[in-house]
Amino acid sequence: MATTLHPSPNRLAWIDYARGIAILLVLYRHIFEGITRAGLGEGRFDWLENANIIFYSFRMPLFFILSGVFIAKSLAKRGVRDLIVNKFNILLYPYLLWSFIQITIQILMGGFVNAQRGWADYGYVFVYPRRIDQFWYLYALFNVTVLYILTRERLRFTVWHQLVLGTILYFISSYVSVKHIDLGFVYDICHFYVFFAIGELISGVILDQQYLPRFSSWQLFACLLPVFAVGQWYFLQTNLAHQDNLFVEEHQPALFAVIALSGCAFMINISFLLQRYNRFKLLRIAGFHSLYIYVSHVLVASAVRMFLVKVLGIVYLPALLAICLLFAAVVPVLLYKLAMRAGAWWLYSLERPALKPQVN
């Protein structure tokens, strides 16, 4: 018996495709910024920087929407207490473990990595997660999920109450950003809560099989494409004009929400189309393993980048980006598979995985 590398045939393929798209966009941003922070190819490849700006407009809202889609089903299955424990085990625990692992490695290799770490960074894990690179998302998703569960089940908030609360919090996040008020981890709760609520709002429709032909139609693709293109063009041009990649998000929050939601809708439509034609299965596998890719991709990409630059002498940015992307997507999945075979499941969760026959 061995743990499976592939998604179960009973899983909704479009969810894995959507997460696959989102995680690859996350990898792109983190790897691109790691390369440019190292002073490689700066100013020579504007089109790669433009892509980095565009991808930022919808990828994180997409993750929160996808999580919100399943909150009602998860509560019905597990109940409040067990679901919170589950989220601690699969979100907060790996966040804490891998944050400490990465910070420790960065301290020990201070002369070789971009980030300059000290003992204070261990404290940032709890209060200022965005100061320790990519891991803030897991902390934010845990906090948003727990708050959402408690308000939904203990305060009896309907999804409409949640949307109102989320909208208020969202505009608070914009205000504190413009005023340069650092709320630490609270900022991410405020900023993404509304997208989680939108996930629950659409769950009844998006999980209903009778709507499958509509969501996987080329007609919907044709309708969403121009909206997506115009929104991304505006997002890119406005941010470039202000020389601030966060200008639209922070100073035009209502417009950013529209751009982000149109981007999410377009990515979900593409995911349904991929499910319909059963293509690009490697993308689905990446989505299935998105959490495991997320926690270790920066370490993998950094090691690969240093080897390419310092040993092989490769400094051409497109080549570095492509190679690091490939390794950052594949190696964490292989590491996860090896960990499962070695009984080191505790590297990724406090919940021991059920053993299943290998699926090929």
Protein backbone atom coordinates (compact mmCIF):
# COMPACT_ATOMS: atom_id res chain seq x y z
CA MET A 1 0.00 0.00 0.00
CA ALA A 2 1.22 3.53 -0.80
CA THR A 3 -0.13 7.01 -0.76
CA THR A 4 -1.41 8.18 -4.10
CA LEU A 5 0.36 10.81 -6.18
CA HIS A 6 -2.73 11.48 -8.28
CA PRO A 7 -6.10 13.01 -7.37
CA SER A 8 -8.95 10.66 -6.58
CA PRO A 9 -11.35 10.20 -9.51
CA ASN A 10 -14.13 11.29 -7.13
CA ARG A 11 -12.61 14.76 -6.70
CA LEU A 12 -13.92 17.70 -8.66
CA ALA A 13 -11.29 18.13 -11.34
CA TRP A 14 -12.01 21.81 -11.93
CA ILE A 15 -11.06 22.63 -8.34
CA ASP A 16 -7.64 21.05 -8.80
CA TYR A 17 -7.19 22.78 -12.15
CA ALA A 18 -8.06 26.15 -10.58
CA ARG A 19 -5.67 25.57 -7.70
CA GLY A 20 -3.06 24.43 -10.19
CA ILE A 21 -3.37 27.68 -12.10
CA ALA A 22 -3.20 29.70 -8.89
CA ILE A 23 -0.16 27.89 -7.48
CA LEU A 24 1.80 28.26 -10.73
CA LEU A 25 1.09 31.99 -10.68
CA VAL A 26 2.30 32.10 -7.08
CA LEU A 27 5.49 30.32 -8.12
CA TYR A 28 5.99 32.74 -10.99
CA ARG A 29 5.82 35.78 -8.72
CA HIS A 30 8.04 34.43 -5.97
CA ILE A 31 10.67 33.08 -8.35
CA PHE A 32 10.69 36.19 -10.55
CA GLU A 33 11.08 38.48 -7.56
CA GLY A 34 13.79 36.26 -6.09
CA ILE A 35 15.75 36.47 -9.32
CA THR A 36 15.37 40.24 -9.67
CA ARG A 37 16.27 40.83 -6.00
CA ALA A 38 19.49 38.99 -6.76
CA GLY A 39 20.19 41.69 -9.39
CA LEU A 40 19.79 39.43 -12.43
CA GLY A 41 18.21 40.76 -15.64
CA GLU A 42 16.85 43.87 -13.99
CA GLY A 43 15.23 46.25 -16.48
CA ARG A 44 15.88 44.03 -19.49
CA PHE A 45 12.69 42.00 -19.58
CA ASP A 46 9.75 44.33 -19.04
CA TRP A 47 7.30 41.79 -20.43
CA LEU A 48 8.15 39.37 -17.62
CA GLU A 49 7.63 42.10 -15.03
CA ASN A 50 4.33 43.05 -16.69
CA ALA A 51 3.17 39.45 -16.44
CA ASN A 52 4.15 39.45 -12.77
CA ILE A 53 1.99 42.53 -12.17
CA ILE A 54 -1.00 41.11 -14.03
CA PHE A 55 -0.96 37.75 -12.27
CA TYR A 56 -1.04 39.50 -8.89
CA SER A 57 -4.50 40.89 -9.53
CA PHE A 58 -6.51 37.70 -8.95
CA ARG A 59 -4.44 34.74 -7.80
CA MET A 60 -4.82 35.17 -4.01
CA PRO A 61 -8.54 36.08 -4.12
CA LEU A 62 -8.98 32.90 -6.20
CA PHE A 63 -7.50 30.76 -3.42
CA PHE A 64 -9.87 32.25 -0.84
CA ILE A 65 -12.92 31.90 -3.07
CA LEU A 66 -12.12 28.23 -3.71
CA SER A 67 -11.79 27.63 0.03
CA GLY A 68 -15.07 29.38 0.76
CA VAL A 69 -16.90 27.21 -1.78
CA PHE A 70 -16.56 24.18 0.50
CA ILE A 71 -17.09 25.71 3.94
CA ALA A 72 -20.75 24.68 4.24
CA LYS A 73 -20.04 21.08 3.19
CA SER A 74 -17.07 20.88 5.54
CA LEU A 75 -19.13 22.11 8.49
CA ALA A 76 -21.91 19.66 7.71
CA LYS A 77 -19.38 16.84 7.61
CA ARG A 78 -17.18 17.70 10.61
CA GLY A 79 -18.96 20.22 12.81
CA VAL A 80 -17.43 23.35 14.32
CA ARG A 81 -14.88 21.89 16.72
CA ASP A 82 -13.57 19.15 14.45
CA LEU A 83 -13.31 21.49 11.47
CA ILE A 84 -11.30 24.06 13.43
CA VAL A 85 -9.00 21.28 14.64
CA ASN A 86 -8.69 20.07 11.05
CA LYS A 87 -7.73 23.55 9.85
CA PHE A 88 -5.16 23.83 12.63
CA ASN A 89 -3.66 20.52 11.55
CA ILE A 90 -3.50 21.21 7.81
CA LEU A 91 -2.97 24.99 7.71
CA LEU A 92 -1.58 26.48 10.91
CA TYR A 93 0.73 23.60 11.79
CA PRO A 94 2.54 23.48 8.41
CA TYR A 95 2.67 27.28 8.44
CA LEU A 96 4.49 27.28 11.77
CA LEU A 97 6.74 24.33 10.96
CA TRP A 98 7.86 25.45 7.50
CA SER A 99 8.22 29.09 8.54
CA PHE A 100 10.65 28.05 11.25
CA ILE A 101 12.46 25.72 8.85
CA GLN A 102 12.87 28.44 6.22
CA ILE A 103 13.92 31.14 8.68
CA THR A 104 16.49 28.82 10.23
CA ILE A 105 17.97 27.93 6.83
CA GLN A 106 18.07 31.60 5.84
CA ILE A 107 19.89 32.51 9.08
CA LEU A 108 22.43 29.72 8.61
CA MET A 109 23.00 30.66 4.96
CA GLY A 110 22.85 34.40 5.39
CA GLY A 111 25.73 35.02 3.00
CA PHE A 112 24.13 33.11 0.15
CA VAL A 113 20.40 33.98 0.18
CA ASN A 114 18.52 37.20 -0.60
CA ALA A 115 16.72 37.43 2.75
CA GLN A 116 18.70 38.65 5.74
CA ARG A 117 17.19 36.98 8.79
CA GLY A 118 17.68 37.33 12.53
CA TRP A 119 16.15 35.98 15.72
CA ALA A 120 13.38 38.59 15.59
CA ASP A 121 11.97 36.91 12.48
CA TYR A 122 10.75 33.99 14.56
CA GLY A 123 8.45 36.43 16.34
CA TYR A 124 7.20 37.82 13.05
CA VAL A 125 5.71 34.39 12.33
CA PHE A 126 2.94 35.15 14.81
CA VAL A 127 2.43 38.90 14.35
CA TYR A 128 3.84 40.10 11.02
CA PRO A 129 3.68 37.09 8.67
CA ARG A 130 4.24 39.12 5.50
CA ARG A 131 7.75 39.92 6.71
CA ILE A 132 8.72 36.27 6.28
CA ASP A 133 8.05 35.87 2.57
CA GLN A 134 5.34 33.61 1.19
CA PHE A 135 3.96 31.83 4.24
CA TRP A 136 1.49 34.54 5.26
CA TYR A 137 -1.19 32.98 3.05
CA LEU A 138 -1.53 29.84 5.20
CA TYR A 139 -1.83 31.93 8.37
CA ALA A 140 -4.37 34.22 6.70
CA LEU A 141 -6.47 31.32 5.39
CA PHE A 142 -6.50 29.70 8.83
CA ASN A 143 -7.53 32.94 10.55
CA VAL A 144 -10.19 33.79 7.98
CA THR A 145 -11.62 30.27 8.07
CA VAL A 146 -11.83 30.13 11.87
CA LEU A 147 -13.39 33.60 12.13
CA TYR A 148 -15.86 32.70 9.39
CA ILE A 149 -16.83 29.46 11.11
CA LEU A 150 -17.39 31.16 14.46
CA THR A 151 -19.46 34.02 13.05
CA ARG A 152 -21.46 31.61 10.89
CA GLU A 153 -22.19 29.00 13.55
CA ARG A 154 -22.04 30.89 16.85
CA LEU A 155 -23.38 34.30 15.80
CA ARG A 156 -25.67 32.75 13.15
CA PHE A 157 -24.43 35.03 10.38
CA THR A 158 -25.98 34.28 7.02
CA VAL A 159 -23.84 34.53 3.90
CA TRP A 160 -25.28 38.00 3.34
CA HIS A 161 -24.18 39.09 6.80
CA GLN A 162 -20.75 37.69 5.97
CA LEU A 163 -20.62 39.65 2.73
CA VAL A 164 -21.47 42.89 4.54
CA LEU A 165 -18.87 42.18 7.22
CA GLY A 166 -16.32 41.20 4.57
CA THR A 167 -16.97 44.35 2.54
CA ILE A 168 -16.49 46.58 5.58
CA LEU A 169 -13.26 44.79 6.48
CA TYR A 170 -12.08 44.99 2.87
CA PHE A 171 -12.38 48.77 2.75
CA ILE A 172 -10.70 49.02 6.16
CA SER A 173 -7.76 47.11 4.68
CA SER A 174 -7.55 49.64 1.87
CA TYR A 175 -7.65 52.57 4.32
CA VAL A 176 -4.87 51.23 6.54
CA SER A 177 -2.75 50.48 3.46
CA VAL A 178 -3.05 54.03 2.15
CA LYS A 179 -2.33 55.42 5.63
CA HIS A 180 0.62 53.03 6.06
CA ILE A 181 -0.85 51.52 9.22
CA ASP A 182 0.63 48.07 9.76
CA LEU A 183 -1.97 45.78 11.32
CA GLY A 184 0.17 42.68 10.93
CA PHE A 185 -1.83 39.50 10.41
CA VAL A 186 -5.11 41.38 10.96
CA TYR A 187 -4.68 43.11 7.60
CA ASP A 188 -4.96 39.83 5.68
CA ILE A 189 -8.11 38.86 7.56
CA CYS A 190 -9.66 42.18 6.59
CA HIS A 191 -8.50 42.04 3.00
CA PHE A 192 -9.56 38.51 2.06
CA TYR A 193 -12.59 37.77 4.24
CA VAL A 194 -15.02 39.01 1.60
CA PHE A 195 -13.58 36.66 -1.04
CA PHE A 196 -14.07 33.70 1.29
CA ALA A 197 -17.71 34.80 1.74
CA ILE A 198 -18.14 35.07 -2.03
CA GLY A 199 -16.98 31.45 -2.22
CA GLU A 200 -19.83 30.34 0.01
CA LEU A 201 -22.27 32.59 -1.86
CA ILE A 202 -21.60 30.86 -5.18
CA SER A 203 -21.13 27.35 -3.76
CA GLY A 204 -24.74 26.26 -4.24
CA VAL A 205 -24.58 27.03 -7.94
CA ILE A 206 -20.99 26.16 -8.77
CA LEU A 207 -21.24 22.73 -7.10
CA ASP A 208 -24.57 21.92 -8.76
CA GLN A 209 -24.01 19.49 -11.64
CA GLN A 210 -26.92 20.89 -13.63
CA TYR A 211 -24.92 24.07 -14.24
CA LEU A 212 -21.83 22.19 -15.43
CA PRO A 213 -22.52 22.73 -19.17
CA ARG A 214 -22.87 26.46 -18.59
CA PHE A 215 -19.65 26.85 -16.61
CA SER A 216 -17.69 24.74 -19.11
CA SER A 217 -19.01 26.49 -22.20
CA TRP A 218 -17.05 28.40 -24.82
CA GLN A 219 -19.84 30.98 -24.85
CA LEU A 220 -19.00 31.91 -21.27
CA PHE A 221 -15.32 31.99 -22.21
CA ALA A 222 -16.08 34.43 -25.04
CA CYS A 223 -18.04 36.67 -22.66
CA LEU A 224 -15.42 36.68 -19.92
CA LEU A 225 -12.33 37.07 -22.11
CA PRO A 226 -12.83 40.74 -23.10
CA VAL A 227 -13.81 41.68 -19.53
CA PHE A 228 -10.69 39.93 -18.23
CA ALA A 229 -8.47 41.55 -20.87
CA VAL A 230 -9.74 45.09 -20.24
CA GLY A 231 -9.47 44.67 -16.48
CA GLN A 232 -5.91 43.35 -16.65
CA TRP A 233 -4.87 46.06 -19.12
CA TYR A 234 -6.19 48.76 -16.79
CA PHE A 235 -4.58 47.13 -13.75
CA LEU A 236 -1.20 46.94 -15.50
CA GLN A 237 -1.21 50.39 -17.05
CA THR A 238 -2.42 52.17 -13.92
CA ASN A 239 0.12 50.49 -11.67
CA LEU A 240 2.91 51.22 -14.14
CA ALA A 241 1.84 54.85 -14.43
CA HIS A 242 2.09 55.25 -10.65
CA GLN A 243 5.23 53.10 -10.39
CA ASP A 244 3.47 51.09 -7.71
CA ASN A 245 2.36 47.49 -8.25
CA LEU A 246 -0.16 47.85 -5.41
CA PHE A 247 -1.66 51.20 -6.46
CA VAL A 248 -4.98 49.87 -7.80
CA GLU A 249 -5.37 47.41 -4.95
CA GLU A 250 -4.74 50.00 -2.25
CA HIS A 251 -6.10 53.23 -3.75
CA GLN A 252 -8.96 51.89 -5.91
CA PRO A 253 -10.30 48.98 -3.83
CA ALA A 254 -13.74 48.79 -5.45
CA LEU A 255 -12.24 48.65 -8.91
CA PHE A 256 -9.61 46.15 -7.77
CA ALA A 257 -12.39 43.89 -6.44
CA VAL A 258 -14.10 43.96 -9.85
CA ILE A 259 -10.82 43.19 -11.64
CA ALA A 260 -9.97 40.41 -9.19
CA LEU A 261 -13.41 38.81 -9.42
CA SER A 262 -13.45 38.94 -13.21
CA GLY A 263 -10.02 37.29 -13.20
CA CYS A 264 -11.24 34.60 -10.81
CA ALA A 265 -14.35 33.97 -12.92
CA PHE A 266 -12.23 33.60 -16.06
CA MET A 267 -9.80 31.19 -14.36
CA ILE A 268 -12.71 29.10 -13.03
CA ASN A 269 -14.23 28.97 -16.51
CA ILE A 270 -10.89 27.80 -17.91
CA SER A 271 -10.74 25.18 -15.14
CA PHE A 272 -14.17 23.85 -16.09
CA LEU A 273 -13.07 23.70 -19.73
CA LEU A 274 -9.97 21.73 -18.76
CA GLN A 275 -12.19 19.36 -16.78
CA ARG A 276 -14.53 19.03 -19.75
CA TYR A 277 -11.74 18.00 -22.14
CA ASN A 278 -9.59 16.28 -19.50
CA ARG A 279 -6.42 18.01 -20.71
CA PHE A 280 -3.20 19.20 -19.04
CA LYS A 281 -3.39 16.57 -16.31
CA LEU A 282 -0.07 17.69 -14.86
CA LEU A 283 -1.73 21.01 -14.01
CA ARG A 284 -4.41 19.12 -12.10
CA ILE A 285 -1.74 17.17 -10.20
CA ALA A 286 -0.06 20.47 -9.29
CA GLY A 287 -3.38 21.76 -7.96
CA PHE A 288 -3.95 18.60 -5.95
CA HIS A 289 -0.54 19.12 -4.32
CA SER A 290 -0.75 22.92 -4.11
CA LEU A 291 -0.27 23.05 -0.32
CA TYR A 292 2.86 20.90 -0.46
CA ILE A 293 4.25 22.94 -3.34
CA TYR A 294 3.48 26.15 -1.48
CA VAL A 295 5.40 25.33 1.70
CA SER A 296 8.69 24.33 0.05
CA HIS A 297 8.84 25.98 -3.38
CA VAL A 298 10.89 28.99 -2.26
CA LEU A 299 13.57 26.78 -0.73
CA VAL A 300 13.71 24.62 -3.87
CA ALA A 301 13.73 27.57 -6.27
CA SER A 302 16.41 29.39 -4.28
CA ALA A 303 18.68 26.34 -4.26
CA VAL A 304 18.20 25.81 -8.00
CA ARG A 305 18.82 29.49 -8.76
CA MET A 306 22.06 29.54 -6.76
CA PHE A 307 23.28 26.39 -8.53
CA LEU A 308 22.44 27.78 -11.97
CA VAL A 309 24.09 31.13 -11.30
CA LYS A 310 27.09 30.27 -9.16
CA VAL A 311 27.97 26.84 -10.58
CA LEU A 312 26.75 26.86 -14.17
CA GLY A 313 27.03 30.60 -14.73
CA ILE A 314 23.52 30.95 -16.18
CA VAL A 315 22.27 34.52 -15.70
CA TYR A 316 19.75 34.83 -18.55
CA LEU A 317 16.53 35.72 -16.75
CA PRO A 318 13.99 33.86 -18.96
CA ALA A 319 16.07 30.67 -18.70
CA LEU A 320 16.46 31.03 -14.93
CA LEU A 321 12.74 31.67 -14.54
CA ALA A 322 11.69 28.67 -16.66
CA ILE A 323 14.10 26.22 -15.02
CA CYS A 324 13.33 27.38 -11.49
CA LEU A 325 9.59 27.20 -12.21
CA LEU A 326 9.91 23.63 -13.40
CA PHE A 327 11.91 22.49 -10.39
CA ALA A 328 9.78 24.46 -7.91
CA ALA A 329 6.63 22.75 -9.23
CA VAL A 330 8.01 19.22 -9.51
CA VAL A 331 10.51 18.76 -6.68
CA PRO A 332 8.09 19.63 -3.80
CA VAL A 333 5.65 17.00 -5.12
CA LEU A 334 8.44 14.41 -5.22
CA LEU A 335 9.57 15.43 -1.74
CA TYR A 336 6.00 15.02 -0.48
CA LYS A 337 5.75 11.58 -2.08
CA LEU A 338 9.06 10.51 -0.51
CA ALA A 339 7.96 11.85 2.87
CA MET A 340 4.74 9.84 2.72
CA ARG A 341 6.63 6.66 1.86
CA ALA A 342 9.10 7.30 4.68
CA GLY A 343 6.33 7.92 7.21
CA ALA A 344 7.26 11.60 7.54
CA TRP A 345 3.68 12.78 6.96
CA TRP A 346 4.12 15.09 9.99
CA LEU A 347 6.13 17.43 7.76
CA TYR A 348 2.89 18.55 6.12
CA SER A 349 0.08 17.91 8.59
CA LEU A 350 -0.74 16.67 12.07
CA GLU A 351 -3.32 14.35 10.52
CA ARG A 352 -1.96 10.99 9.50
CA PRO A 353 -3.10 10.32 5.90
CA ALA A 354 -5.18 7.27 5.10
CA LEU A 355 -3.35 4.68 3.06
CA LYS A 356 -4.74 4.09 -0.41
CA PRO A 357 -3.78 1.88 -3.30
CA GLN A 358 -1.50 3.55 -5.82
CA VAL A 359 -3.54 5.15 -8.62
CA ASN A 360 -1.87 5.52 -12.03
